[in-house]
Protein backbone atom coordinates (compact mmCIF):
# COMPACT_ATOMS: atom_id res chain seq x y z
CA MET A 1 73.46 -47.49 35.72
CA CYS A 2 73.41 -46.84 39.41
CA PHE A 3 73.16 -44.19 42.07
CA ARG A 4 73.57 -43.88 45.79
CA ALA A 5 70.27 -42.90 47.36
CA PRO A 6 70.48 -40.19 50.03
CA GLY A 7 71.09 -41.79 53.41
CA ALA A 8 71.31 -45.31 51.96
CA ALA A 9 74.24 -47.57 52.56
CA GLY A 10 74.11 -49.27 49.16
CA ALA A 11 73.66 -48.48 45.52
CA ILE A 12 70.50 -49.09 43.53
CA HIS A 13 70.68 -50.31 39.94
CA LEU A 14 67.87 -49.26 37.65
CA THR A 15 66.89 -52.08 35.34
CA SER A 16 63.60 -50.90 33.90
CA PRO A 17 61.81 -47.63 33.09
CA ARG A 18 60.07 -47.42 36.47
CA ALA A 19 60.45 -45.23 39.49
CA ALA A 20 63.38 -46.32 41.62
CA PRO A 21 62.61 -47.82 45.05
CA ALA A 22 63.25 -45.52 47.98
CA ALA A 23 66.47 -47.28 49.00
CA LEU A 24 67.02 -50.99 49.26
CA PRO A 25 68.64 -52.19 52.48
CA SER A 26 72.31 -52.66 51.72
CA ARG A 27 74.22 -55.93 51.59
CA ARG A 28 76.37 -55.04 54.61
CA GLY A 29 79.70 -56.78 54.84
CA ARG A 30 79.53 -58.06 51.26
CA PRO A 31 78.93 -55.38 48.64
CA SER A 32 77.08 -56.38 45.51
CA ARG A 33 79.30 -57.47 42.68
CA ARG A 34 77.26 -55.15 40.47
CA ALA A 35 77.09 -52.27 42.90
CA CYS A 36 78.80 -48.96 42.27
CA ASP A 37 82.33 -48.35 43.52
CA LYS A 38 81.58 -46.68 46.83
CA SER A 39 85.16 -45.64 47.55
CA HIS A 40 85.20 -42.69 45.12
CA PRO A 41 82.64 -39.95 44.50
CA PRO A 42 81.07 -39.88 41.03
CA THR A 43 82.68 -37.73 38.37
CA TYR A 44 81.33 -36.60 35.05
CA ARG A 45 82.96 -35.75 31.77
CA GLY A 46 81.01 -32.51 31.63
CA GLU A 47 82.42 -31.33 34.95
CA VAL A 48 85.03 -28.72 33.93
CA ARG A 49 87.27 -27.12 36.51
CA PRO A 50 88.42 -23.59 35.47
CA ARG A 51 92.14 -23.31 34.90
CA ILE A 52 93.13 -19.68 34.30
CA ALA A 53 96.57 -18.79 32.99
CA VAL A 54 98.46 -16.02 34.76
CA PRO A 55 98.60 -12.97 32.44
CA HIS A 56 101.95 -11.98 30.94
CA SER A 57 103.71 -9.29 32.91
CA SER A 58 103.63 -6.92 29.92
CA LEU A 59 99.87 -6.69 29.96
CA THR A 60 98.32 -3.87 31.83
CA GLY A 61 96.44 -4.68 35.03
CA GLN A 62 93.11 -3.79 33.44
CA LEU A 63 93.67 -5.99 30.38
CA ALA A 64 94.79 -8.91 32.56
CA THR A 65 91.68 -8.64 34.70
CA GLN A 66 89.39 -8.55 31.65
CA LEU A 67 91.15 -11.52 30.05
CA ALA A 68 90.83 -13.59 33.21
CA ALA A 69 87.14 -12.76 33.50
CA MET A 70 86.55 -13.76 29.87
CA LEU A 71 88.32 -17.09 30.39
CA VAL A 72 86.21 -17.84 33.46
CA ALA A 73 83.01 -16.98 31.62
CA VAL A 74 83.87 -19.18 28.63
CA THR A 75 84.88 -22.08 30.89
CA LEU A 76 81.67 -21.92 32.91
CA LEU A 77 79.62 -21.68 29.72
CA VAL A 78 81.25 -24.84 28.35
CA ALA A 79 80.63 -26.64 31.65
CA GLY A 80 76.98 -25.61 31.61
CA LEU A 81 76.49 -26.81 28.06
CA LEU A 82 78.17 -30.17 28.56
CA ALA A 83 76.97 -31.22 32.01
CA PRO A 84 73.34 -32.05 31.13
CA THR A 85 74.39 -34.29 28.26
CA THR A 86 77.25 -36.14 29.92
CA ALA A 87 75.91 -36.80 33.41
CA HIS A 88 74.60 -40.31 34.00
CA ALA A 89 70.96 -40.82 33.11
CA GLY A 90 68.81 -41.00 36.21
CA THR A 91 70.94 -38.52 38.19
CA ASP A 92 71.11 -34.78 38.69
CA VAL A 93 74.35 -32.97 39.37
CA ALA A 94 74.01 -31.00 42.57
CA PRO A 95 76.27 -28.09 43.54
CA GLY A 96 79.76 -29.41 44.12
CA GLY A 97 79.34 -32.22 41.60
CA ALA A 98 77.41 -34.61 43.92
CA ALA A 99 74.91 -36.93 42.29
CA THR A 100 71.31 -36.94 43.48
CA PRO A 101 68.75 -39.54 42.37
CA THR A 102 65.96 -38.76 39.99
CA SER A 103 63.21 -41.03 38.75
CA VAL A 104 63.54 -42.60 35.34
CA PRO A 105 60.50 -41.46 33.34
CA ALA A 106 57.95 -44.20 32.91
CA PRO A 107 56.21 -44.77 29.59
CA ALA A 108 53.24 -42.49 29.06
CA SER A 109 50.85 -45.43 29.24
CA ALA A 110 52.22 -46.79 32.52
CA PRO A 111 49.96 -46.39 35.59
CA ALA A 112 51.20 -44.53 38.64
CA ALA A 113 53.36 -46.75 40.82
CA ALA A 114 51.79 -47.94 44.06
CA PRO A 115 53.66 -47.41 47.34
CA THR A 116 56.49 -49.89 47.70
CA ALA A 117 57.84 -51.68 50.74
CA ARG A 118 61.37 -51.25 51.99
CA SER A 119 61.58 -54.97 52.77
CA VAL A 120 59.53 -58.12 52.14
CA LEU A 121 59.19 -61.26 54.24
CA LEU A 122 58.03 -64.14 52.03
CA ILE A 123 56.65 -66.98 54.18
CA SER A 124 55.84 -70.44 52.87
CA VAL A 125 53.98 -72.79 55.20
CA ASP A 126 54.68 -76.26 53.85
CA GLY A 127 51.51 -78.30 53.32
CA LEU A 128 49.10 -75.73 54.77
CA SER A 129 45.47 -76.58 54.04
CA PRO A 130 43.21 -73.52 53.61
CA ALA A 131 40.25 -75.68 54.60
CA VAL A 132 41.85 -76.56 57.94
CA VAL A 133 42.69 -72.89 58.58
CA ALA A 134 39.03 -72.05 57.98
CA GLN A 135 37.88 -74.88 60.26
CA LEU A 136 40.19 -73.82 63.09
CA GLY A 137 38.87 -70.28 62.79
CA ARG A 138 40.05 -66.97 64.15
CA LYS A 139 40.17 -68.18 67.75
CA ARG A 140 42.66 -71.01 67.14
CA THR A 141 44.65 -69.46 64.27
CA PRO A 142 44.56 -65.76 65.20
CA ALA A 143 47.75 -64.71 63.40
CA LEU A 144 46.74 -66.10 60.02
CA HIS A 145 43.25 -64.61 60.30
CA ARG A 146 44.64 -61.24 61.40
CA LEU A 147 47.02 -61.30 58.43
CA MET A 148 44.09 -61.91 56.07
CA ALA A 149 41.93 -59.25 57.73
CA GLN A 150 44.69 -56.64 57.57
CA GLY A 151 45.73 -57.44 54.01
CA THR A 152 44.52 -58.87 50.73
CA SER A 153 44.14 -62.62 50.32
CA THR A 154 42.52 -65.66 48.78
CA ARG A 155 42.01 -69.17 50.11
CA ASN A 156 41.58 -70.46 46.56
CA ALA A 157 45.00 -69.94 44.96
CA ARG A 158 46.70 -72.77 43.09
CA THR A 159 49.96 -74.68 42.93
CA GLU A 160 51.79 -75.21 39.66
CA VAL A 161 49.95 -77.46 37.22
CA GLU A 162 52.48 -80.27 36.86
CA LEU A 163 53.19 -81.25 40.48
CA THR A 164 51.96 -80.66 44.03
CA LYS A 165 55.33 -81.29 45.67
CA THR A 166 57.56 -79.19 47.88
CA LEU A 167 60.80 -78.44 46.02
CA PRO A 168 59.29 -77.96 42.54
CA ASN A 169 56.65 -75.50 43.77
CA HIS A 170 59.05 -73.61 46.00
CA THR A 171 61.45 -73.18 43.11
CA SER A 172 58.56 -71.72 41.09
CA MET A 173 57.91 -69.30 43.96
CA VAL A 174 61.35 -67.73 43.58
CA THR A 175 61.78 -67.98 39.79
CA GLY A 176 58.29 -67.24 38.48
CA ARG A 177 58.54 -70.26 36.16
CA ARG A 178 56.45 -73.36 35.58
CA ILE A 179 58.14 -76.70 36.34
CA THR A 180 58.65 -78.48 33.00
CA ALA A 181 62.02 -77.49 31.53
CA GLU A 182 61.01 -78.34 27.95
CA GLN A 183 58.28 -75.69 28.18
CA GLY A 184 60.45 -72.95 29.65
CA GLY A 185 60.24 -74.13 33.26
CA HIS A 186 62.97 -74.43 35.88
CA GLY A 187 63.23 -78.20 35.52
CA VAL A 188 63.22 -79.09 39.24
CA TRP A 189 60.81 -82.02 39.24
CA TRP A 190 62.42 -84.01 42.09
CA ASN A 191 61.64 -83.58 45.77
CA ASP A 192 64.67 -84.83 47.69
CA ASP A 193 68.31 -84.06 48.52
CA ARG A 194 69.87 -85.43 45.33
CA ARG A 195 72.99 -83.66 44.09
CA SER A 196 72.50 -84.35 40.39
CA PRO A 197 71.47 -82.12 38.75
CA ALA A 198 73.50 -80.00 41.15
CA THR A 199 71.80 -76.68 40.37
CA VAL A 200 68.60 -75.27 38.93
CA HIS A 201 70.68 -74.12 35.96
CA LYS A 202 71.63 -77.73 35.22
CA ALA A 203 68.02 -78.86 35.59
CA ALA A 204 66.74 -76.24 33.15
CA GLY A 205 69.62 -76.57 30.71
CA HIS A 206 70.48 -72.88 30.97
CA ARG A 207 70.95 -70.17 33.58
CA VAL A 208 67.81 -69.41 35.58
CA ALA A 209 67.35 -66.08 37.35
CA SER A 210 65.51 -65.71 40.65
CA VAL A 211 64.26 -63.12 43.11
CA PHE A 212 67.63 -63.42 44.83
CA THR A 213 69.63 -62.53 41.73
CA ARG A 214 67.25 -59.67 40.97
CA VAL A 215 67.57 -58.22 44.49
CA ASP A 216 71.34 -58.71 44.39
CA GLY A 217 71.52 -56.86 41.08
CA ALA A 218 69.75 -53.92 42.71
CA GLY A 219 72.29 -53.80 45.53
CA GLY A 220 69.93 -55.37 48.07
CA SER A 221 70.35 -58.15 50.62
CA SER A 222 68.54 -61.51 50.84
CA ALA A 223 68.31 -64.29 53.42
CA VAL A 224 66.80 -67.79 53.33
CA PHE A 225 65.57 -69.64 56.43
CA ALA A 226 64.46 -73.17 55.51
CA GLY A 227 63.17 -76.12 57.48
CA LYS A 228 64.31 -78.83 55.05
CA THR A 229 67.75 -79.72 53.73
CA LYS A 230 66.52 -80.08 50.14
CA PHE A 231 66.51 -76.28 49.92
CA ARG A 232 70.31 -76.38 49.74
CA LEU A 233 69.75 -76.69 46.00
CA TRP A 234 69.06 -72.95 46.06
CA ASN A 235 72.31 -72.19 47.83
CA ARG A 236 74.25 -74.20 45.25
CA THR A 237 72.42 -72.30 42.50
CA TRP A 238 72.17 -68.71 43.76
CA GLY A 239 74.42 -68.73 46.83
CA ARG A 240 76.46 -65.74 45.68
CA SER A 241 73.26 -63.67 45.68
CA ILE A 242 72.04 -64.88 49.10
CA ASP A 243 73.70 -63.22 52.09
CA ARG A 244 72.48 -65.68 54.71
CA PHE A 245 71.34 -69.25 54.08
CA GLN A 246 70.19 -71.30 57.05
CA VAL A 247 68.55 -74.71 57.39
CA ARG A 248 67.06 -75.87 60.72
CA ALA A 249 64.67 -78.72 61.38
CA ASP A 250 63.48 -77.04 64.59
CA ASP A 251 60.76 -74.61 63.50
CA ALA A 252 60.72 -72.69 66.80
CA ARG A 253 64.47 -72.06 66.68
CA LEU A 254 64.25 -71.09 63.03
CA ALA A 255 61.51 -68.58 63.89
CA ARG A 256 63.78 -67.09 66.56
CA ASP A 257 66.50 -66.76 63.94
CA VAL A 258 64.08 -64.89 61.67
CA ARG A 259 63.07 -62.54 64.49
CA ARG A 260 66.69 -61.86 65.41
CA ASP A 261 67.58 -61.19 61.78
CA LEU A 262 64.67 -58.77 61.46
CA ARG A 263 65.86 -56.83 64.49
CA ARG A 264 69.56 -56.74 63.60
CA LYS A 265 69.89 -56.70 59.81
CA ASN A 266 68.71 -54.46 57.02
CA ARG A 267 67.57 -56.83 54.30
CA THR A 268 65.53 -56.36 51.18
CA LEU A 269 64.10 -59.89 51.10
CA ARG A 270 63.74 -62.76 53.54
CA PHE A 271 62.34 -66.16 52.62
CA TRP A 272 61.07 -68.24 55.57
CA HIS A 273 59.95 -71.84 55.13
CA ILE A 274 57.96 -73.55 57.92
CA ALA A 275 58.01 -77.34 57.68
CA ALA A 276 55.91 -78.52 60.67
CA PRO A 277 52.46 -78.97 59.05
CA ASP A 278 53.88 -81.03 56.18
CA ARG A 279 56.08 -83.19 58.42
CA THR A 280 53.19 -83.91 60.75
CA GLY A 281 50.80 -84.60 57.88
CA HIS A 282 53.15 -87.21 56.43
CA ALA A 283 53.65 -88.83 59.83
CA LYS A 284 50.12 -88.70 61.26
CA GLY A 285 47.86 -87.80 58.35
CA PHE A 286 46.72 -84.45 57.00
CA SER A 287 43.29 -84.89 58.58
CA SER A 288 44.64 -85.86 62.01
CA ARG A 289 44.47 -83.92 65.26
CA ALA A 290 48.26 -83.81 65.25
CA TYR A 291 48.18 -81.97 61.91
CA ARG A 292 45.73 -79.42 63.31
CA ARG A 293 47.99 -78.90 66.32
CA ALA A 294 50.91 -78.34 63.95
CA VAL A 295 48.91 -75.69 62.08
CA ARG A 296 48.10 -73.99 65.39
CA SER A 297 51.73 -74.03 66.52
CA THR A 298 52.74 -72.62 63.13
CA ASP A 299 50.20 -69.85 63.58
CA ALA A 300 51.82 -69.00 66.92
CA LEU A 301 55.28 -68.79 65.31
CA VAL A 302 53.96 -66.54 62.55
CA GLY A 303 52.29 -64.39 65.20
CA GLU A 304 55.57 -63.93 67.08
CA VAL A 305 57.37 -62.79 63.93
CA LEU A 306 54.55 -60.42 63.01
CA ARG A 307 54.69 -59.00 66.55
CA THR A 308 58.40 -58.32 66.09
CA ILE A 309 57.61 -56.32 62.97
CA ARG A 310 54.65 -54.54 64.53
CA THR A 311 56.44 -53.47 67.71
CA SER A 312 59.68 -52.28 66.12
CA PRO A 313 59.76 -48.60 65.08
CA ARG A 314 62.43 -49.50 62.53
CA LEU A 315 60.26 -52.20 60.91
CA ARG A 316 56.68 -51.07 61.45
CA GLY A 317 55.13 -49.74 58.25
CA LYS A 318 58.19 -50.69 56.19
CA VAL A 319 57.98 -54.49 55.89
CA ALA A 320 55.45 -56.26 53.68
CA VAL A 321 54.54 -59.88 54.42
CA VAL A 322 53.55 -62.36 51.71
CA LEU A 323 52.39 -65.81 52.89
CA THR A 324 51.54 -68.80 50.73
CA SER A 325 52.20 -72.55 50.50
CA ASP A 326 53.79 -75.08 48.18
CA HIS A 327 50.74 -77.35 48.24
CA GLY A 328 47.64 -78.10 50.26
CA ALA A 329 46.41 -81.38 51.71
CA ASP A 330 43.67 -83.81 50.80
CA GLY A 331 43.65 -86.11 53.81
CA GLY A 332 45.73 -89.26 54.06
CA ARG A 333 49.49 -88.98 54.38
CA ARG A 334 50.46 -87.90 50.87
CA HIS A 335 49.91 -84.90 48.63
CA SER A 336 51.51 -86.12 45.40
CA ASP A 337 48.28 -86.54 43.41
CA GLU A 338 48.14 -83.23 41.54
CA THR A 339 44.61 -83.98 40.28
CA LYS A 340 43.07 -83.67 43.76
CA LEU A 341 41.63 -80.29 44.68
CA GLY A 342 42.89 -80.40 48.26
CA ASN A 343 46.47 -80.75 47.07
CA GLN A 344 46.16 -77.95 44.49
CA GLN A 345 44.35 -75.43 46.67
CA ILE A 346 46.48 -73.05 48.72
CA LEU A 347 46.42 -69.77 50.62
CA PHE A 348 47.95 -66.54 49.26
CA VAL A 349 48.07 -63.48 51.54
CA ALA A 350 49.80 -60.10 51.34
CA GLN A 351 49.86 -57.51 54.12
CA GLY A 352 51.89 -54.36 54.64
CA PRO A 353 52.43 -50.76 53.54
CA GLY A 354 50.15 -49.73 50.70
CA ILE A 355 48.37 -53.10 50.55
CA ALA A 356 44.57 -53.13 50.60
CA THR A 357 43.03 -54.29 53.88
CA GLY A 358 40.32 -56.92 54.13
CA ALA A 359 40.31 -57.36 50.36
CA ASP A 360 39.82 -60.43 48.20
CA LEU A 361 42.76 -60.83 45.83
CA TYR A 362 40.52 -61.86 42.93
CA ALA A 363 38.08 -59.00 43.53
CA ILE A 364 40.78 -56.32 43.30
CA ASN A 365 42.28 -57.86 40.15
CA PRO A 366 39.32 -58.00 37.75
CA GLY A 367 40.20 -58.86 34.19
CA THR A 368 43.65 -60.24 35.01
CA VAL A 369 42.97 -63.27 37.26
CA ALA A 370 39.84 -65.23 38.09
CA GLY A 371 38.84 -67.64 40.82
CA PRO A 372 39.24 -71.20 39.50
CA GLY A 373 36.32 -72.67 41.40
CA ARG A 374 37.21 -76.34 41.87
CA ARG A 375 39.42 -76.57 38.77
CA GLN A 376 43.14 -76.41 38.03
CA PRO A 377 43.29 -74.15 34.95
CA ALA A 378 46.06 -74.54 32.39
CA TYR A 379 48.93 -72.07 32.28
CA ASP A 380 47.55 -70.51 29.09
CA ALA A 381 44.07 -69.85 30.51
CA ASP A 382 42.66 -66.47 29.45
CA LEU A 383 42.13 -65.58 33.12
CA PRO A 384 44.53 -67.64 35.22
CA PRO A 385 44.15 -68.24 38.94
CA VAL A 386 46.51 -66.77 41.50
CA ARG A 387 49.40 -69.23 41.84
CA ASN A 388 52.18 -69.60 44.37
CA GLY A 389 54.55 -69.07 41.44
CA ASP A 390 53.16 -65.53 41.12
CA ALA A 391 54.94 -64.72 44.39
CA ALA A 392 58.33 -64.06 42.75
CA ASN A 393 57.25 -61.12 40.63
CA PHE A 394 54.64 -60.02 43.17
CA VAL A 395 57.40 -59.59 45.76
CA LEU A 396 59.63 -57.73 43.31
CA ASP A 397 56.73 -55.44 42.39
CA LEU A 398 56.23 -54.60 46.07
CA LEU A 399 59.91 -53.64 46.19
CA GLY A 400 59.63 -51.55 43.04
CA LEU A 401 61.88 -53.91 41.08
CA ALA A 402 61.44 -55.33 37.58
CA PRO A 403 60.30 -58.95 37.03
CA VAL A 404 62.63 -61.95 37.14
CA PRO A 405 64.25 -62.30 33.70
CA GLY A 406 62.85 -65.31 31.85
CA SER A 407 59.88 -65.72 34.19
CA GLU A 408 56.39 -66.60 32.98
CA LEU A 409 54.09 -66.43 36.00
CA ASN A 410 52.93 -62.87 36.74
CA ALA A 411 55.75 -61.81 34.39
CA ASP A 412 54.02 -58.51 33.61
CA GLN A 413 53.39 -57.99 37.34
CA HIS A 414 49.65 -57.78 36.69
CA LEU A 415 48.76 -59.10 40.15
CA LYS A 416 48.11 -55.99 42.23
CA TRP A 417 47.54 -55.43 45.93
CA VAL A 418 45.51 -52.20 45.85
CA ARG A 419 41.84 -51.72 45.08
CA PRO A 420 41.18 -50.49 41.53
CA ALA A 421 40.21 -46.84 41.21
CA SER A 422 36.44 -46.46 41.10
């Protein structure tokens, strides 16, 4: 079921009983395989065009006129009776037969939908330590601190339980799944460029949906900007749903690519991975001065991208930013010990239209998540912590889209970004 939103270039597919997003940026140049046929206007079986027979010449003029009027009246009556029942659900038929969007009624128990963003930029800073961000402070990491002050955040989110490694946690970020395939996870336990299993589907033993396939199904456009070649696994898996996929080792050039894409393209979702802190931590140590310099340079790159959004009339007030990390750091040159708090503990920030400002993410989500203290709670904890794997369905919720099919983390989209009503 789909409709063309007024003024939008693409079609939006409604996949759940929720209000439709305003209009997702279209996938220009490559229409969605599931999108409506845009080359023909919609038609409806209840749309009846009057066809009036010419009266026989033996009829008087008065009788012919009356007969024609009766035929018109009956035809219009039939059209009026049929149109409401045969038009597509979720559309109204405007004069002239044009379709106009209407909201699909939500269940009576559903809360009112919060304002949604037109576009989301999901940033993952590889190996970012929340403790180091706090130590550097607002003066030396102004962009990250401004993002937290202007949005909702926590410095005590968690990685996935099984591993504190890059590729497994990033794959959870875009699928909303745990790691272990035998327990419903995505199955990506490795952290290198191997080509077997070739896809996430192969690793899991079945097809695995993602934020990219969900956005694609809604007629939207996605792009991935990654700093490590191992992310090519995603392109092999979901490449047909990703409009631009780019890998660059140079973080500054990759940031310029993100800024240029923001200025030139209408996209629903962008994923931007920044590799510098992790690379430097492995080379020099996660407690080294070099690592701190890498965090500061990363902050500067994030600040430049945020400035692009803030200073563009086309982007300002329309783009939400979600920033998190695949893992933290616990000193030394490795982060593979998932039992260490420093490796588990990560930042999670959201800022943008409709998002609470200066709010603690745990404080505005009472009864659904809880701060873990210094622990790594199990997946089945009564009150789980905020995890980086929550990002997938959090991002889709910001866009007004339904959760990733088959996801587990934040699968009911309970993690909210507005303060609860008092």
